[in-house]
């Protein structure tokens, strides 16, 4: 996918479609549809249904919490009618609020499922490390006025890589059947006044990344040693954990799939960090049985055995 291209206006897209979504989560209860509050899913389904003139239900690669943003949320749906690429993008965007947008749409096979076929999910937590509070970036970063040692944060975060019980970083209301998750990598880097926590794993527990970010900030401030993260992990007890970092700094930036699905590649978000030059799917996945299983299994075989609650 190039940064700019011409949408097809004539050929109706039929069969299952995958779609890339970007949203500012500030005013939403999260991605998943809820009866009592506004959600990204509900807004998107309403807009899709207007273009199709029939009800449409979507499935997403992962859920995001209230206030969390996304630059590459991947969804799929089975449209009841054919519409052109331009209609599915421009037409749907016409009916969406300004803080949600469709970025691309692509036909996929019936074996594609945005959640069950995802090999990994990647998030970036962005801290603005300066003395004065942010103005233009206030809804997309977390402000930290205390000086942060990003190198110490990175070293501390390496104890999270691999497969572990993440109970110490799990929200009390988490609905997942298991606290075990496999982290592919956790990087902490500084770009001027921005400190980025870049984390990818097979899936995440409720509030897991925000709880990790809160603990890493304690290390960066010097309030805790670099061994702190490994010690928390070993406790397997959320009551002994650190603070939960604010939602505004968290961005869902990639869902990773097998190359056979040929989904569009994009610059990794958020746009504050686009200057780093990295694109989606560039980093190699770990060679693990879990990844191999996800690559090879069929959709029908996966549906009955899925144990993860994916965020």
Protein backbone atom coordinates (compact mmCIF):
# COMPACT_ATOMS: atom_id res chain seq x y z
CA UNK A 1 0.00 0.00 0.00
CA UNK A 2 1.41 3.36 -1.01
CA UNK A 3 0.70 6.52 0.93
CA UNK A 4 -1.62 7.73 -1.86
CA UNK A 5 -3.46 5.75 -4.53
CA UNK A 6 -6.64 5.85 -6.62
CA UNK A 7 -9.63 3.95 -5.24
CA UNK A 8 -11.51 1.78 -7.70
CA UNK A 9 -14.99 3.20 -8.32
CA UNK A 10 -16.58 0.54 -10.55
CA UNK A 11 -15.84 -3.05 -9.53
CA UNK A 12 -18.19 -4.33 -6.78
CA UNK A 13 -16.31 -6.12 -4.01
CA UNK A 14 -17.99 -9.39 -3.11
CA UNK A 15 -17.30 -11.99 -0.45
CA UNK A 16 -15.62 -11.39 2.90
CA UNK A 17 -13.89 -8.03 3.34
CA UNK A 18 -11.12 -6.93 5.68
CA UNK A 19 -10.98 -3.27 6.64
CA UNK A 20 -8.40 -1.06 8.38
CA UNK A 21 -9.81 1.42 10.91
CA UNK A 22 -8.29 4.42 12.66
CA UNK A 23 -9.92 6.16 15.61
CA UNK A 24 -9.43 8.60 18.44
CA UNK A 25 -10.86 6.78 21.45
CA UNK A 26 -11.24 9.85 23.68
CA UNK A 27 -15.04 9.98 23.56
CA UNK A 28 -15.79 6.25 23.39
CA UNK A 29 -16.26 3.54 25.99
CA UNK A 30 -13.89 1.41 23.93
CA UNK A 31 -14.14 -0.47 20.68
CA UNK A 32 -16.72 -3.09 21.65
CA UNK A 33 -20.42 -2.28 21.37
CA UNK A 34 -22.13 -1.56 24.72
CA UNK A 35 -25.75 -0.69 25.46
CA UNK A 36 -25.03 2.12 27.90
CA UNK A 37 -22.31 4.14 26.12
CA UNK A 38 -20.94 5.16 22.72
CA UNK A 39 -18.55 2.70 21.08
CA UNK A 40 -16.43 2.58 17.95
CA UNK A 41 -18.02 -0.70 16.85
CA UNK A 42 -21.56 0.68 17.00
CA UNK A 43 -20.61 3.80 15.01
CA UNK A 44 -18.85 1.72 12.35
CA UNK A 45 -21.69 -0.79 12.00
CA UNK A 46 -24.23 2.01 11.56
CA UNK A 47 -22.10 3.62 8.82
CA UNK A 48 -21.51 0.32 7.01
CA UNK A 49 -25.20 -0.53 7.15
CA UNK A 50 -26.10 2.81 5.56
CA UNK A 51 -23.80 2.12 2.61
CA UNK A 52 -25.11 -1.44 2.21
CA UNK A 53 -28.75 -0.52 2.94
CA UNK A 54 -28.82 -3.63 5.10
CA UNK A 55 -27.58 -4.45 8.63
CA UNK A 56 -23.89 -5.36 8.91
CA UNK A 57 -22.06 -6.86 11.88
CA UNK A 58 -18.28 -6.66 12.15
CA UNK A 59 -15.59 -8.71 13.92
CA UNK A 60 -12.42 -6.99 15.18
CA UNK A 61 -8.83 -8.05 15.70
CA UNK A 62 -8.92 -6.86 19.31
CA UNK A 63 -10.77 -4.74 21.82
CA UNK A 64 -9.48 -1.43 23.14
CA UNK A 65 -10.36 0.15 26.47
CA UNK A 66 -12.23 3.38 27.00
CA UNK A 67 -10.10 6.29 25.79
CA UNK A 68 -7.55 4.15 23.91
CA UNK A 69 -6.74 5.03 20.28
CA UNK A 70 -5.99 2.92 17.19
CA UNK A 71 -4.23 3.54 13.90
CA UNK A 72 -4.67 -0.03 12.59
CA UNK A 73 -7.65 -1.84 14.00
CA UNK A 74 -8.47 -4.62 11.52
CA UNK A 75 -12.07 -5.77 11.19
CA UNK A 76 -13.84 -8.13 8.83
CA UNK A 77 -17.45 -8.55 7.70
CA UNK A 78 -19.52 -10.37 5.09
CA UNK A 79 -21.34 -7.71 3.06
CA UNK A 80 -24.85 -8.60 1.88
CA UNK A 81 -24.33 -6.54 -1.30
CA UNK A 82 -21.47 -5.58 -3.58
CA UNK A 83 -20.03 -2.08 -3.36
CA UNK A 84 -16.90 -0.59 -4.91
CA UNK A 85 -13.69 0.07 -2.98
CA UNK A 86 -14.42 3.79 -3.09
CA UNK A 87 -17.95 3.30 -1.73
CA UNK A 88 -16.72 1.19 1.19
CA UNK A 89 -14.08 3.79 2.09
CA UNK A 90 -15.43 7.22 1.12
CA UNK A 91 -19.07 6.25 1.54
CA UNK A 92 -18.60 4.80 5.01
CA UNK A 93 -16.39 7.72 6.08
CA UNK A 94 -19.17 10.11 5.07
CA UNK A 95 -21.41 8.50 7.71
CA UNK A 96 -18.75 8.25 10.44
CA UNK A 97 -17.97 10.88 13.08
CA UNK A 98 -14.74 12.80 12.56
CA UNK A 99 -12.84 10.75 15.15
CA UNK A 100 -13.27 7.43 13.26
CA UNK A 101 -12.13 6.66 9.70
CA UNK A 102 -11.78 3.74 7.31
CA UNK A 103 -8.25 3.63 5.89
CA UNK A 104 -8.48 0.69 3.46
CA UNK A 105 -10.63 -2.28 2.44
CA UNK A 106 -9.53 -5.57 0.86
CA UNK A 107 -11.27 -8.80 -0.23
CA UNK A 108 -10.13 -11.85 1.75
CA UNK A 109 -11.02 -15.52 1.74
CA UNK A 110 -13.63 -17.10 3.97
CA UNK A 111 -10.79 -18.55 6.07
CA UNK A 112 -9.81 -15.07 7.26
CA UNK A 113 -10.99 -14.00 10.72
CA UNK A 114 -9.68 -10.72 12.09
CA UNK A 115 -9.39 -12.01 15.67
CA UNK A 116 -8.78 -15.74 15.36
CA UNK A 117 -6.17 -15.41 12.60
CA UNK A 118 -4.12 -12.66 14.26
CA UNK A 119 -0.56 -13.83 14.97
CA UNK A 120 0.23 -10.80 17.12
CA UNK A 121 -1.04 -7.46 18.31
CA UNK A 122 1.14 -4.40 18.74
CA UNK A 123 0.63 -1.33 20.89
CA UNK A 124 2.64 1.81 21.53
CA UNK A 125 2.37 3.80 24.75
CA UNK A 126 3.55 7.38 24.24
CA UNK A 127 4.81 9.62 27.06
CA UNK A 128 5.52 13.32 26.58
CA UNK A 129 8.43 13.96 28.95
CA UNK A 130 8.63 17.69 29.53
CA UNK A 131 8.11 20.17 32.35
CA UNK A 132 5.03 21.93 30.94
CA UNK A 133 1.73 20.20 30.21
CA UNK A 134 0.91 19.39 26.56
CA UNK A 135 -1.64 21.33 24.53
CA UNK A 136 -1.82 20.06 20.92
CA UNK A 137 -0.94 16.49 21.92
CA UNK A 138 -2.95 16.39 25.15
CA UNK A 139 -5.42 13.71 23.97
CA UNK A 140 -2.80 11.41 22.42
CA UNK A 141 0.05 11.25 24.93
CA UNK A 142 0.51 10.88 28.66
CA UNK A 143 2.35 13.79 30.25
CA UNK A 144 5.20 13.03 32.62
CA UNK A 145 7.11 16.04 33.95
CA UNK A 146 9.69 14.01 35.89
CA UNK A 147 12.81 13.12 33.91
CA UNK A 148 12.60 9.55 32.60
CA UNK A 149 15.54 7.22 31.99
CA UNK A 150 14.32 5.40 28.87
CA UNK A 151 17.36 3.11 28.78
CA UNK A 152 16.64 1.88 32.32
CA UNK A 153 12.99 1.35 31.39
CA UNK A 154 14.03 -0.70 28.36
CA UNK A 155 16.37 -2.91 30.36
CA UNK A 156 13.71 -3.48 33.02
CA UNK A 157 11.08 -4.36 30.40
CA UNK A 158 13.08 -7.29 28.99
CA UNK A 159 11.92 -9.51 31.85
CA UNK A 160 8.45 -9.39 30.26
CA UNK A 161 9.54 -10.96 26.97
CA UNK A 162 8.44 -14.56 26.51
CA UNK A 163 5.51 -16.52 27.90
CA UNK A 164 4.53 -15.63 31.46
CA UNK A 165 1.69 -15.40 33.96
CA UNK A 166 0.82 -11.68 33.86
CA UNK A 167 -1.52 -11.66 36.88
CA UNK A 168 0.41 -8.73 38.41
CA UNK A 169 -0.52 -6.61 35.39
CA UNK A 170 -4.12 -7.76 35.03
CA UNK A 171 -7.19 -5.66 35.84
CA UNK A 172 -9.44 -6.95 38.61
CA UNK A 173 -12.36 -7.23 36.19
CA UNK A 174 -10.45 -9.07 33.45
CA UNK A 175 -12.61 -11.79 31.87
CA UNK A 176 -9.83 -13.88 30.34
CA UNK A 177 -9.77 -17.54 31.36
CA UNK A 178 -5.98 -17.51 31.70
CA UNK A 179 -3.39 -14.89 32.76
CA UNK A 180 -0.73 -16.42 30.50
CA UNK A 181 0.42 -14.36 27.52
CA UNK A 182 3.42 -14.43 25.21
CA UNK A 183 5.22 -11.13 24.65
CA UNK A 184 7.19 -11.03 21.39
CA UNK A 185 9.16 -7.90 22.30
CA UNK A 186 9.05 -4.84 24.55
CA UNK A 187 11.14 -1.83 23.52
CA UNK A 188 11.44 1.54 25.23
CA UNK A 189 12.98 4.35 23.19
CA UNK A 190 13.36 8.10 23.51
CA UNK A 191 12.80 10.46 20.59
CA UNK A 192 13.49 13.94 21.92
CA UNK A 193 10.74 14.66 24.44
CA UNK A 194 8.78 11.57 23.47
CA UNK A 195 9.33 8.26 25.26
CA UNK A 196 7.72 5.28 23.51
CA UNK A 197 6.92 1.90 25.03
CA UNK A 198 6.54 -0.45 22.04
CA UNK A 199 5.06 -3.86 22.90
CA UNK A 200 3.83 -6.80 20.86
CA UNK A 201 2.35 -10.09 22.00
CA UNK A 202 -0.07 -12.81 21.03
CA UNK A 203 -2.80 -11.01 23.05
CA UNK A 204 -3.18 -8.84 26.16
CA UNK A 205 -5.13 -8.91 29.39
CA UNK A 206 -7.49 -6.11 30.40
CA UNK A 207 -5.43 -2.99 31.31
CA UNK A 208 -2.25 -5.05 30.94
CA UNK A 209 -0.26 -2.57 28.86
CA UNK A 210 -1.36 0.41 30.93
CA UNK A 211 -0.34 -1.42 34.11
CA UNK A 212 3.04 -2.26 32.56
CA UNK A 213 3.47 1.37 31.52
CA UNK A 214 2.70 2.60 35.04
CA UNK A 215 5.34 0.28 36.50
CA UNK A 216 7.93 1.22 33.87
CA UNK A 217 7.44 4.92 34.60
CA UNK A 218 8.31 4.21 38.23
CA UNK A 219 11.56 2.67 37.01
CA UNK A 220 12.20 5.58 34.65
CA UNK A 221 11.73 8.12 37.43
CA UNK A 222 14.21 6.27 39.60
CA UNK A 223 11.60 5.40 42.22
CA UNK A 224 12.13 1.69 41.54
CA UNK A 225 15.11 -0.39 40.46
CA UNK A 226 15.45 -2.12 37.11
CA UNK A 227 14.68 -5.42 38.85
CA UNK A 228 11.22 -4.12 39.83
CA UNK A 229 9.38 -5.34 36.72
CA UNK A 230 10.70 -8.87 37.06
CA UNK A 231 9.83 -8.87 40.75
CA UNK A 232 6.26 -7.77 40.04
CA UNK A 233 5.92 -10.44 37.36
CA UNK A 234 7.05 -13.13 39.80
CA UNK A 235 4.53 -12.03 42.47
CA UNK A 236 1.56 -12.85 40.20
CA UNK A 237 -0.55 -10.54 42.34
CA UNK A 238 -2.19 -7.37 41.01
CA UNK A 239 -2.62 -6.01 44.55
CA UNK A 240 1.15 -5.69 44.75
CA UNK A 241 1.33 -3.90 41.39
CA UNK A 242 1.87 -0.29 40.40
CA UNK A 243 -0.52 2.40 39.14
CA UNK A 244 -2.51 2.06 35.91
CA UNK A 245 -1.26 4.60 33.37
CA UNK A 246 -3.87 6.84 31.67
CA UNK A 247 -5.62 5.54 28.56
CA UNK A 248 -4.83 8.61 26.43
CA UNK A 249 -1.22 7.56 25.79
CA UNK A 250 -2.06 4.10 24.43
CA UNK A 251 -2.33 3.35 20.71
CA UNK A 252 -3.23 0.07 18.97
CA UNK A 253 -0.86 0.21 15.99
CA UNK A 254 -0.81 -3.22 14.32
CA UNK A 255 -2.46 -6.60 13.98
CA UNK A 256 -0.09 -9.12 12.44
CA UNK A 257 -1.35 -11.82 10.06
CA UNK A 258 0.11 -14.54 7.89
CA UNK A 259 1.51 -13.19 4.62
CA UNK A 260 -0.97 -15.24 2.59
CA UNK A 261 -3.74 -12.79 3.46
CA UNK A 262 -1.75 -9.98 1.79
CA UNK A 263 -3.24 -7.15 3.84
CA UNK A 264 -2.06 -3.60 3.03
CA UNK A 265 1.13 -2.35 4.69
CA UNK A 266 1.09 1.08 6.35
CA UNK A 267 3.46 3.33 8.30
CA UNK A 268 3.24 2.41 11.97
CA UNK A 269 1.31 4.87 14.10
CA UNK A 270 0.67 6.99 15.93
CA UNK A 271 1.41 9.83 13.53
CA UNK A 272 3.56 11.57 16.15
CA UNK A 273 6.05 8.74 15.56
CA UNK A 274 5.73 8.29 11.80
CA UNK A 275 9.18 9.85 11.37
CA UNK A 276 10.72 6.59 12.66
CA UNK A 277 9.99 5.12 9.24
CA UNK A 278 8.79 1.69 10.36
CA UNK A 279 5.89 0.00 8.53
CA UNK A 280 3.42 -2.59 9.75
CA UNK A 281 4.56 -6.19 9.77
CA UNK A 282 8.27 -5.41 9.31
CA UNK A 283 9.48 -7.15 12.48
CA UNK A 284 9.82 -10.91 12.35
CA UNK A 285 7.57 -12.97 14.58
CA UNK A 286 9.19 -15.35 17.08
CA UNK A 287 9.51 -18.96 15.97
CA UNK A 288 7.26 -20.51 18.60
CA UNK A 289 4.69 -23.35 18.63
CA UNK A 290 1.93 -20.81 19.32
CA UNK A 291 2.73 -18.78 16.20
CA UNK A 292 3.12 -21.94 14.10
CA UNK A 293 -0.25 -23.19 15.34
CA UNK A 294 -1.95 -19.93 14.46
CA UNK A 295 -0.43 -19.98 11.00
CA UNK A 296 -1.53 -23.50 10.20
CA UNK A 297 -4.90 -24.02 11.83
CA UNK A 298 -8.17 -23.71 9.98
CA UNK A 299 -10.87 -21.29 11.02
CA UNK A 300 -13.32 -24.07 11.86
CA UNK A 301 -10.76 -25.77 14.05
CA UNK A 302 -10.00 -22.53 15.88
CA UNK A 303 -13.49 -21.38 16.72
CA UNK A 304 -14.23 -24.04 19.29
CA UNK A 305 -10.87 -23.94 21.06
CA UNK A 306 -10.24 -20.22 21.37
CA UNK A 307 -9.33 -19.37 24.95
CA UNK A 308 -8.02 -15.82 24.67
CA UNK A 309 -9.77 -12.57 25.35
CA UNK A 310 -7.90 -10.29 22.95
CA UNK A 311 -7.11 -6.65 23.59
